Amino acid sequence: MDLIYVIPKRTELNYRKKLVEDEKTMEYNNGIVPFPKEKWDSWYNKWIGNNDKNYYYAYIYDKDIQAFVGEVAYRKEVYKNSVMLSIIIESKYRRRGYGKEGLKGLVTTAFKNGWDEVRDLIAKNNVGSQKLFSDFGFKIVDVDKDGDVEFELGKEEFINLYGDI
């Protein structure tokens, strides 16, 4: 597995559309996220086009198989110097290590970009992602009224677990 992170151009959002509108890939999310072409410009301007350090988005590309396998993203949280993570691995590539490697790349990027803490809120029924985050070193900090689990990892904890950023 030889991964690179590709920030798409405005005209290269077809893979995102395919990913978030795929029922099997989005099962964990209780359904697809419609991503019609007429929303691409506003989405792109928010996530990529404005060079806002509060947002990061990239495709995960495996050079060995010459294919996109998922996406990683983060956005600034309203409190603390932290970001909320998002990682989606296409269903046909799950359970092959892409989630762990994608998570490591995303967390490393966030810390290199100056954030002190990374978080994610994972649905109560998404046991695979909960295990991934726990095994990676994230701690549970909250369980909301719906049973969704919030995980957190600080920069110092990451360095202690994985070495320098």
N, C-alpha and C. Protein backbone atom coordinates (compact mmCIF):
# COMPACT_ATOMS: atom_id res chain seq x y z
N MET A 1 0.86 -1.18 0.00
CA MET A 1 0.00 0.00 0.00
C MET A 1 0.90 1.23 0.00
N ASP A 2 0.75 2.05 -1.01
CA ASP A 2 1.54 3.27 -1.16
C ASP A 2 0.56 4.42 -1.40
N LEU A 3 0.20 5.10 -0.31
CA LEU A 3 -0.87 6.10 -0.38
C LEU A 3 -0.33 7.51 -0.58
N ILE A 4 -1.08 8.28 -1.37
CA ILE A 4 -0.87 9.72 -1.46
C ILE A 4 -2.22 10.39 -1.26
N TYR A 5 -2.17 11.64 -0.86
CA TYR A 5 -3.39 12.41 -0.62
C TYR A 5 -3.49 13.47 -1.71
N VAL A 6 -4.58 13.43 -2.45
CA VAL A 6 -4.76 14.27 -3.63
C VAL A 6 -5.88 15.27 -3.35
N ILE A 7 -5.54 16.55 -3.39
CA ILE A 7 -6.57 17.59 -3.25
C ILE A 7 -7.15 17.82 -4.64
N PRO A 8 -8.43 17.49 -4.81
CA PRO A 8 -9.02 17.57 -6.15
C PRO A 8 -9.23 19.00 -6.62
N LYS A 9 -9.23 19.16 -7.93
CA LYS A 9 -9.62 20.43 -8.53
C LYS A 9 -11.15 20.48 -8.56
N ARG A 10 -11.68 21.65 -8.78
CA ARG A 10 -13.13 21.86 -8.83
C ARG A 10 -13.81 20.90 -9.82
N THR A 11 -13.14 20.61 -10.91
CA THR A 11 -13.71 19.74 -11.94
C THR A 11 -13.49 18.25 -11.67
N GLU A 12 -12.84 17.93 -10.55
CA GLU A 12 -12.50 16.54 -10.24
C GLU A 12 -13.28 15.99 -9.05
N LEU A 13 -14.52 16.40 -8.91
CA LEU A 13 -15.32 15.96 -7.76
C LEU A 13 -16.21 14.75 -8.06
N ASN A 14 -16.03 14.15 -9.24
CA ASN A 14 -16.82 12.96 -9.57
C ASN A 14 -16.61 11.83 -8.58
N TYR A 15 -15.36 11.65 -8.11
CA TYR A 15 -15.12 10.57 -7.16
C TYR A 15 -15.85 10.83 -5.84
N ARG A 16 -15.86 12.07 -5.38
CA ARG A 16 -16.59 12.38 -4.14
C ARG A 16 -18.08 12.06 -4.32
N LYS A 17 -18.63 12.44 -5.45
CA LYS A 17 -20.04 12.15 -5.74
C LYS A 17 -20.28 10.65 -5.69
N LYS A 18 -19.41 9.89 -6.36
CA LYS A 18 -19.54 8.43 -6.37
C LYS A 18 -19.48 7.87 -4.94
N LEU A 19 -18.55 8.38 -4.15
CA LEU A 19 -18.33 7.88 -2.80
C LEU A 19 -19.52 8.14 -1.89
N VAL A 20 -19.96 9.39 -1.80
CA VAL A 20 -21.01 9.74 -0.83
C VAL A 20 -22.41 9.38 -1.30
N GLU A 21 -22.55 9.03 -2.58
CA GLU A 21 -23.86 8.60 -3.07
C GLU A 21 -23.94 7.08 -3.23
N ASP A 22 -22.92 6.37 -2.78
CA ASP A 22 -22.92 4.91 -2.84
C ASP A 22 -23.57 4.35 -1.57
N GLU A 23 -24.67 3.62 -1.74
CA GLU A 23 -25.43 3.13 -0.59
C GLU A 23 -24.60 2.24 0.33
N LYS A 24 -23.82 1.33 -0.23
CA LYS A 24 -23.03 0.41 0.60
C LYS A 24 -21.95 1.17 1.38
N THR A 25 -21.29 2.10 0.72
CA THR A 25 -20.25 2.88 1.39
C THR A 25 -20.84 3.72 2.52
N MET A 26 -22.04 4.26 2.31
CA MET A 26 -22.63 5.19 3.27
C MET A 26 -23.60 4.52 4.26
N GLU A 27 -23.62 3.20 4.33
CA GLU A 27 -24.49 2.50 5.28
C GLU A 27 -24.28 3.00 6.71
N TYR A 28 -23.03 3.23 7.08
CA TYR A 28 -22.71 3.68 8.44
C TYR A 28 -23.39 5.02 8.76
N ASN A 29 -23.71 5.77 7.73
CA ASN A 29 -24.25 7.12 7.86
C ASN A 29 -25.78 7.13 7.79
N ASN A 30 -26.37 5.95 7.79
CA ASN A 30 -27.82 5.81 7.63
C ASN A 30 -28.31 6.35 6.30
N GLY A 31 -27.48 6.25 5.29
CA GLY A 31 -27.89 6.65 3.95
C GLY A 31 -26.90 7.55 3.25
N ILE A 32 -27.17 7.73 1.98
CA ILE A 32 -26.27 8.51 1.13
C ILE A 32 -26.38 10.00 1.44
N VAL A 33 -25.39 10.74 0.94
CA VAL A 33 -25.40 12.20 1.02
C VAL A 33 -25.46 12.70 -0.43
N PRO A 34 -26.61 13.20 -0.86
CA PRO A 34 -26.70 13.68 -2.25
C PRO A 34 -25.65 14.78 -2.51
N PHE A 35 -24.99 14.67 -3.65
CA PHE A 35 -23.95 15.64 -4.02
C PHE A 35 -24.11 16.00 -5.50
N PRO A 36 -25.21 16.72 -5.82
CA PRO A 36 -25.46 17.08 -7.22
C PRO A 36 -24.44 18.09 -7.73
N LYS A 37 -24.19 18.04 -9.02
CA LYS A 37 -23.18 18.90 -9.64
C LYS A 37 -23.41 20.39 -9.37
N GLU A 38 -24.67 20.81 -9.24
CA GLU A 38 -24.94 22.23 -8.99
C GLU A 38 -24.48 22.68 -7.60
N LYS A 39 -24.12 21.77 -6.71
CA LYS A 39 -23.60 22.13 -5.38
C LYS A 39 -22.08 22.09 -5.31
N TRP A 40 -21.45 21.63 -6.38
CA TRP A 40 -20.01 21.47 -6.35
C TRP A 40 -19.26 22.78 -6.11
N ASP A 41 -19.67 23.85 -6.76
CA ASP A 41 -18.96 25.13 -6.62
C ASP A 41 -18.97 25.62 -5.17
N SER A 42 -20.13 25.65 -4.55
CA SER A 42 -20.21 26.15 -3.17
C SER A 42 -19.46 25.23 -2.22
N TRP A 43 -19.57 23.91 -2.42
CA TRP A 43 -18.84 22.96 -1.58
C TRP A 43 -17.33 23.17 -1.75
N TYR A 44 -16.89 23.28 -2.99
CA TYR A 44 -15.47 23.45 -3.27
C TYR A 44 -14.94 24.75 -2.66
N ASN A 45 -15.68 25.83 -2.80
CA ASN A 45 -15.25 27.11 -2.24
C ASN A 45 -15.08 27.04 -0.74
N LYS A 46 -15.94 26.31 -0.06
CA LYS A 46 -15.86 26.19 1.39
C LYS A 46 -14.69 25.29 1.81
N TRP A 47 -14.56 24.13 1.19
CA TRP A 47 -13.62 23.12 1.65
C TRP A 47 -12.21 23.25 1.07
N ILE A 48 -12.07 23.77 -0.13
CA ILE A 48 -10.77 23.75 -0.79
C ILE A 48 -10.37 25.11 -1.36
N GLY A 49 -11.25 25.75 -2.08
CA GLY A 49 -10.92 26.91 -2.90
C GLY A 49 -10.51 28.16 -2.17
N ASN A 50 -10.84 28.29 -0.89
CA ASN A 50 -10.55 29.54 -0.20
C ASN A 50 -9.26 29.49 0.63
N ASN A 51 -8.55 28.37 0.59
CA ASN A 51 -7.30 28.21 1.35
C ASN A 51 -7.47 28.51 2.84
N ASP A 52 -8.62 28.20 3.39
CA ASP A 52 -8.91 28.41 4.81
C ASP A 52 -8.31 27.26 5.60
N LYS A 53 -7.41 27.56 6.54
CA LYS A 53 -6.76 26.50 7.32
C LYS A 53 -7.74 25.76 8.22
N ASN A 54 -8.95 26.27 8.34
CA ASN A 54 -9.96 25.60 9.16
C ASN A 54 -10.61 24.41 8.45
N TYR A 55 -10.28 24.22 7.18
CA TYR A 55 -10.84 23.12 6.39
C TYR A 55 -9.72 22.41 5.64
N TYR A 56 -9.82 21.09 5.58
CA TYR A 56 -8.88 20.29 4.79
C TYR A 56 -9.67 19.15 4.16
N TYR A 57 -9.37 18.86 2.89
CA TYR A 57 -10.04 17.77 2.20
C TYR A 57 -9.09 17.17 1.18
N ALA A 58 -9.06 15.83 1.10
CA ALA A 58 -8.25 15.16 0.09
C ALA A 58 -8.80 13.76 -0.19
N TYR A 59 -8.56 13.30 -1.41
CA TYR A 59 -8.82 11.91 -1.76
C TYR A 59 -7.64 11.07 -1.28
N ILE A 60 -7.90 9.82 -0.96
CA ILE A 60 -6.84 8.86 -0.67
C ILE A 60 -6.63 8.05 -1.95
N TYR A 61 -5.41 8.08 -2.47
CA TYR A 61 -5.08 7.36 -3.70
C TYR A 61 -4.01 6.33 -3.40
N ASP A 62 -4.25 5.08 -3.79
CA ASP A 62 -3.27 4.01 -3.61
C ASP A 62 -2.51 3.84 -4.93
N LYS A 63 -1.23 4.21 -4.91
CA LYS A 63 -0.42 4.12 -6.13
C LYS A 63 -0.21 2.67 -6.57
N ASP A 64 -0.22 1.73 -5.62
CA ASP A 64 -0.02 0.32 -5.98
C ASP A 64 -1.14 -0.22 -6.86
N ILE A 65 -2.38 0.14 -6.55
CA ILE A 65 -3.51 -0.36 -7.35
C ILE A 65 -4.03 0.71 -8.32
N GLN A 66 -3.43 1.89 -8.27
CA GLN A 66 -3.78 3.02 -9.14
C GLN A 66 -5.27 3.33 -9.08
N ALA A 67 -5.74 3.55 -7.83
CA ALA A 67 -7.16 3.84 -7.64
C ALA A 67 -7.37 4.69 -6.40
N PHE A 68 -8.41 5.52 -6.44
CA PHE A 68 -8.87 6.21 -5.25
C PHE A 68 -9.58 5.19 -4.37
N VAL A 69 -9.35 5.26 -3.06
CA VAL A 69 -9.96 4.30 -2.13
C VAL A 69 -10.84 4.98 -1.10
N GLY A 70 -10.80 6.31 -1.02
CA GLY A 70 -11.61 7.02 -0.04
C GLY A 70 -11.25 8.49 0.02
N GLU A 71 -11.71 9.12 1.11
CA GLU A 71 -11.44 10.54 1.32
C GLU A 71 -11.17 10.80 2.79
N VAL A 72 -10.42 11.86 3.06
CA VAL A 72 -10.19 12.35 4.42
C VAL A 72 -10.46 13.84 4.44
N ALA A 73 -10.91 14.31 5.61
CA ALA A 73 -11.22 15.74 5.74
C ALA A 73 -11.22 16.11 7.21
N TYR A 74 -11.06 17.41 7.46
CA TYR A 74 -11.32 17.94 8.80
C TYR A 74 -11.87 19.34 8.69
N ARG A 75 -12.53 19.76 9.77
CA ARG A 75 -13.03 21.14 9.87
C ARG A 75 -12.83 21.59 11.31
N LYS A 76 -12.62 22.88 11.47
CA LYS A 76 -12.38 23.43 12.81
C LYS A 76 -13.61 23.27 13.68
N GLU A 77 -13.34 22.93 14.92
CA GLU A 77 -14.38 22.87 15.94
C GLU A 77 -14.59 24.28 16.49
N VAL A 78 -15.76 24.52 17.03
CA VAL A 78 -16.07 25.86 17.55
C VAL A 78 -15.37 26.13 18.88
N TYR A 79 -14.88 25.11 19.52
CA TYR A 79 -14.18 25.29 20.79
C TYR A 79 -12.78 24.71 20.67
N LYS A 80 -11.90 25.19 21.50
CA LYS A 80 -10.52 24.72 21.57
C LYS A 80 -9.79 24.91 20.24
N ASN A 81 -8.55 24.49 20.23
CA ASN A 81 -7.74 24.50 19.01
C ASN A 81 -7.78 23.08 18.44
N SER A 82 -9.00 22.66 18.03
CA SER A 82 -9.18 21.30 17.57
C SER A 82 -9.99 21.26 16.28
N VAL A 83 -9.90 20.10 15.61
CA VAL A 83 -10.67 19.88 14.40
C VAL A 83 -11.45 18.58 14.51
N MET A 84 -12.58 18.53 13.82
CA MET A 84 -13.41 17.34 13.72
C MET A 84 -13.02 16.60 12.44
N LEU A 85 -12.70 15.33 12.58
CA LEU A 85 -12.23 14.53 11.46
C LEU A 85 -13.37 13.87 10.69
N SER A 86 -13.09 13.53 9.46
CA SER A 86 -13.99 12.72 8.65
C SER A 86 -13.14 11.83 7.76
N ILE A 87 -13.45 10.56 7.76
CA ILE A 87 -12.75 9.63 6.88
C ILE A 87 -13.78 8.66 6.33
N ILE A 88 -13.78 8.52 5.02
CA ILE A 88 -14.68 7.57 4.37
C ILE A 88 -13.84 6.69 3.44
N ILE A 89 -13.92 5.39 3.67
CA ILE A 89 -13.26 4.42 2.80
C ILE A 89 -14.35 3.74 1.97
N GLU A 90 -14.14 3.71 0.67
CA GLU A 90 -15.10 3.06 -0.22
C GLU A 90 -15.32 1.62 0.24
N SER A 91 -16.55 1.17 0.23
CA SER A 91 -16.91 -0.13 0.82
C SER A 91 -16.05 -1.28 0.30
N LYS A 92 -15.75 -1.30 -0.99
CA LYS A 92 -14.98 -2.43 -1.53
C LYS A 92 -13.52 -2.45 -1.08
N TYR A 93 -13.05 -1.36 -0.44
CA TYR A 93 -11.67 -1.31 0.03
C TYR A 93 -11.56 -1.42 1.56
N ARG A 94 -12.65 -1.63 2.23
CA ARG A 94 -12.62 -1.71 3.69
C ARG A 94 -11.96 -3.02 4.15
N ARG A 95 -11.46 -2.98 5.38
CA ARG A 95 -10.80 -4.11 6.03
C ARG A 95 -9.51 -4.52 5.31
N ARG A 96 -8.85 -3.52 4.74
CA ARG A 96 -7.56 -3.74 4.06
C ARG A 96 -6.47 -2.83 4.62
N GLY A 97 -6.78 -2.09 5.68
CA GLY A 97 -5.79 -1.21 6.28
C GLY A 97 -5.86 0.24 5.82
N TYR A 98 -6.74 0.55 4.88
CA TYR A 98 -6.84 1.92 4.38
C TYR A 98 -7.36 2.88 5.45
N GLY A 99 -8.27 2.42 6.28
CA GLY A 99 -8.81 3.28 7.34
C GLY A 99 -7.72 3.73 8.29
N LYS A 100 -6.91 2.79 8.75
CA LYS A 100 -5.83 3.12 9.69
C LYS A 100 -4.81 4.04 9.04
N GLU A 101 -4.40 3.71 7.82
CA GLU A 101 -3.40 4.56 7.15
C GLU A 101 -3.97 5.93 6.81
N GLY A 102 -5.22 5.97 6.38
CA GLY A 102 -5.86 7.25 6.10
C GLY A 102 -6.00 8.10 7.35
N LEU A 103 -6.37 7.46 8.46
CA LEU A 103 -6.49 8.17 9.73
C LEU A 103 -5.14 8.72 10.17
N LYS A 104 -4.10 7.91 10.04
CA LYS A 104 -2.76 8.38 10.43
C LYS A 104 -2.34 9.57 9.57
N GLY A 105 -2.58 9.50 8.27
CA GLY A 105 -2.23 10.61 7.39
C GLY A 105 -3.01 11.87 7.72
N LEU A 106 -4.30 11.72 8.00
CA LEU A 106 -5.15 12.87 8.32
C LEU A 106 -4.75 13.51 9.64
N VAL A 107 -4.53 12.68 10.66
CA VAL A 107 -4.13 13.20 11.97
C VAL A 107 -2.78 13.90 11.87
N THR A 108 -1.84 13.29 11.17
CA THR A 108 -0.52 13.91 10.98
C THR A 108 -0.66 15.26 10.28
N THR A 109 -1.47 15.33 9.24
CA THR A 109 -1.69 16.60 8.53
C THR A 109 -2.27 17.65 9.47
N ALA A 110 -3.26 17.28 10.26
CA ALA A 110 -3.88 18.24 11.18
C ALA A 110 -2.86 18.78 12.18
N PHE A 111 -2.05 17.91 12.74
CA PHE A 111 -1.06 18.38 13.72
C PHE A 111 0.04 19.21 13.04
N LYS A 112 0.46 18.83 11.86
CA LYS A 112 1.45 19.64 11.12
C LYS A 112 0.89 21.01 10.77
N ASN A 113 -0.43 21.09 10.59
CA ASN A 113 -1.07 22.36 10.26
C ASN A 113 -1.38 23.21 11.48
N GLY A 114 -0.91 22.78 12.66
CA GLY A 114 -0.99 23.63 13.85
C GLY A 114 -2.10 23.33 14.83
N TRP A 115 -2.89 22.30 14.60
CA TRP A 115 -3.97 21.97 15.53
C TRP A 115 -3.42 21.18 16.71
N ASP A 116 -4.00 21.37 17.89
CA ASP A 116 -3.54 20.71 19.11
C ASP A 116 -4.29 19.42 19.41
N GLU A 117 -5.46 19.26 18.80
CA GLU A 117 -6.32 18.15 19.16
C GLU A 117 -7.19 17.78 17.96
N VAL A 118 -7.46 16.49 17.81
CA VAL A 118 -8.37 16.02 16.77
C VAL A 118 -9.48 15.22 17.42
N ARG A 119 -10.68 15.29 16.82
CA ARG A 119 -11.86 14.64 17.40
C ARG A 119 -12.67 14.01 16.28
N ASP A 120 -13.55 13.10 16.68
CA ASP A 120 -14.56 12.59 15.75
C ASP A 120 -15.75 12.10 16.55
N LEU A 121 -16.92 12.23 15.97
CA LEU A 121 -18.16 11.71 16.55
C LEU A 121 -18.58 10.54 15.67
N ILE A 122 -18.62 9.35 16.27
CA ILE A 122 -18.87 8.13 15.51
C ILE A 122 -20.20 7.52 15.95
N ALA A 123 -21.01 7.18 14.97
CA ALA A 123 -22.34 6.61 15.24
C ALA A 123 -22.24 5.37 16.12
N LYS A 124 -23.23 5.20 16.98
CA LYS A 124 -23.21 4.08 17.93
C LYS A 124 -23.15 2.73 17.23
N ASN A 125 -23.72 2.63 16.04
CA ASN A 125 -23.72 1.34 15.33
C ASN A 125 -22.49 1.14 14.45
N ASN A 126 -21.59 2.10 14.40
CA ASN A 126 -20.39 2.00 13.57
C ASN A 126 -19.24 1.44 14.42
N VAL A 127 -19.39 0.18 14.78
CA VAL A 127 -18.45 -0.47 15.70
C VAL A 127 -17.05 -0.56 15.09
N GLY A 128 -16.96 -0.78 13.78
CA GLY A 128 -15.66 -0.88 13.13
C GLY A 128 -14.85 0.40 13.27
N SER A 129 -15.49 1.55 13.05
CA SER A 129 -14.80 2.83 13.19
C SER A 129 -14.45 3.11 14.64
N GLN A 130 -15.34 2.76 15.55
CA GLN A 130 -15.04 2.96 16.98
C GLN A 130 -13.79 2.16 17.36
N LYS A 131 -13.70 0.92 16.89
CA LYS A 131 -12.53 0.09 17.19
C LYS A 131 -11.27 0.70 16.56
N LEU A 132 -11.38 1.16 15.32
CA LEU A 132 -10.24 1.78 14.64
C LEU A 132 -9.71 2.95 15.46
N PHE A 133 -10.59 3.83 15.90
CA PHE A 133 -10.16 5.01 16.66
C PHE A 133 -9.59 4.62 18.02
N SER A 134 -10.21 3.68 18.71
CA SER A 134 -9.69 3.22 20.01
C SER A 134 -8.32 2.60 19.85
N ASP A 135 -8.18 1.70 18.88
CA ASP A 135 -6.90 1.04 18.65
C ASP A 135 -5.81 2.03 18.25
N PHE A 136 -6.19 3.11 17.59
CA PHE A 136 -5.24 4.13 17.15
C PHE A 136 -4.73 4.97 18.31
N GLY A 137 -5.49 5.01 19.43
CA GLY A 137 -5.07 5.78 20.59
C GLY A 137 -6.03 6.87 21.02
N PHE A 138 -7.13 7.03 20.30
CA PHE A 138 -8.14 8.01 20.68
C PHE A 138 -8.83 7.57 21.97
N LYS A 139 -9.24 8.54 22.77
CA LYS A 139 -9.98 8.29 24.01
C LYS A 139 -11.43 8.73 23.82
N ILE A 140 -12.34 7.99 24.46
CA ILE A 140 -13.75 8.39 24.46
C ILE A 140 -13.91 9.54 25.44
N VAL A 141 -14.50 10.64 24.97
CA VAL A 141 -14.71 11.80 25.84
C VAL A 141 -16.18 12.10 26.08
N ASP A 142 -17.06 11.50 25.27
CA ASP A 142 -18.49 11.76 25.47
C ASP A 142 -19.31 10.73 24.68
N VAL A 143 -20.49 10.46 25.19
CA VAL A 143 -21.49 9.68 24.47
C VAL A 143 -22.75 10.54 24.48
N ASP A 144 -23.25 10.89 23.28
CA ASP A 144 -24.39 11.80 23.23
C ASP A 144 -25.72 11.07 23.48
N LYS A 145 -26.80 11.81 23.47
CA LYS A 145 -28.12 11.26 23.80
C LYS A 145 -28.56 10.16 22.84
N ASP A 146 -28.01 10.14 21.62
CA ASP A 146 -28.34 9.11 20.65
C ASP A 146 -27.42 7.89 20.75
N GLY A 147 -26.43 7.97 21.63
CA GLY A 147 -25.48 6.87 21.79
C GLY A 147 -24.26 6.98 20.91
N ASP A 148 -24.15 8.08 20.14
CA ASP A 148 -22.96 8.29 19.32
C ASP A 148 -21.79 8.63 20.22
N VAL A 149 -20.60 8.19 19.83
CA VAL A 149 -19.42 8.27 20.68
C VAL A 149 -18.44 9.30 20.15
N GLU A 150 -18.03 10.23 21.03
CA GLU A 150 -17.04 11.24 20.63
C GLU A 150 -15.66 10.80 21.11
N PHE A 151 -14.72 10.80 20.17
CA PHE A 151 -13.34 10.42 20.44
C PHE A 151 -12.44 11.65 20.32
N GLU A 152 -11.31 11.61 21.04
CA GLU A 152 -10.37 12.74 21.05
C GLU A 152 -8.95 12.21 21.15
N LEU A 153 -8.03 12.90 20.47
CA LEU A 153 -6.60 12.59 20.56
C LEU A 153 -5.83 13.90 20.50
N GLY A 154 -4.95 14.11 21.48
CA GLY A 154 -4.12 15.31 21.52
C GLY A 154 -2.80 15.09 20.81
N LYS A 155 -2.18 16.20 20.45
CA LYS A 155 -0.90 16.15 19.73
C LYS A 155 0.17 15.43 20.55
N GLU A 156 0.26 15.75 21.84
CA GLU A 156 1.28 15.12 22.69
C GLU A 156 1.05 13.62 22.81
N GLU A 157 -0.21 13.21 22.93
CA GLU A 157 -0.53 11.77 22.99
C GLU A 157 -0.10 11.08 21.70
N PHE A 158 -0.36 11.74 20.57
CA PHE A 158 0.03 11.19 19.27
C PHE A 158 1.55 11.01 19.19
N ILE A 159 2.28 12.04 19.61
CA ILE A 159 3.75 11.97 19.57
C ILE A 159 4.24 10.84 20.47
N ASN A 160 3.64 10.69 21.66
CA ASN A 160 4.04 9.60 22.56
C ASN A 160 3.80 8.23 21.94
N LEU A 161 2.73 8.10 21.16
CA LEU A 161 2.39 6.81 20.55
C LEU A 161 3.16 6.54 19.26
N TYR A 162 3.35 7.56 18.44
CA TYR A 162 3.86 7.35 17.09
C TYR A 162 5.18 8.06 16.78
N GLY A 163 5.71 8.79 17.74
CA GLY A 163 6.94 9.51 17.49
C GLY A 163 6.66 10.88 16.91
N ASP A 164 7.69 11.50 16.38
CA ASP A 164 7.57 12.86 15.86
C ASP A 164 6.54 12.94 14.74
N ILE A 165 6.01 14.13 14.58
CA ILE A 165 4.99 14.35 13.55
C ILE A 165 5.65 14.56 12.20
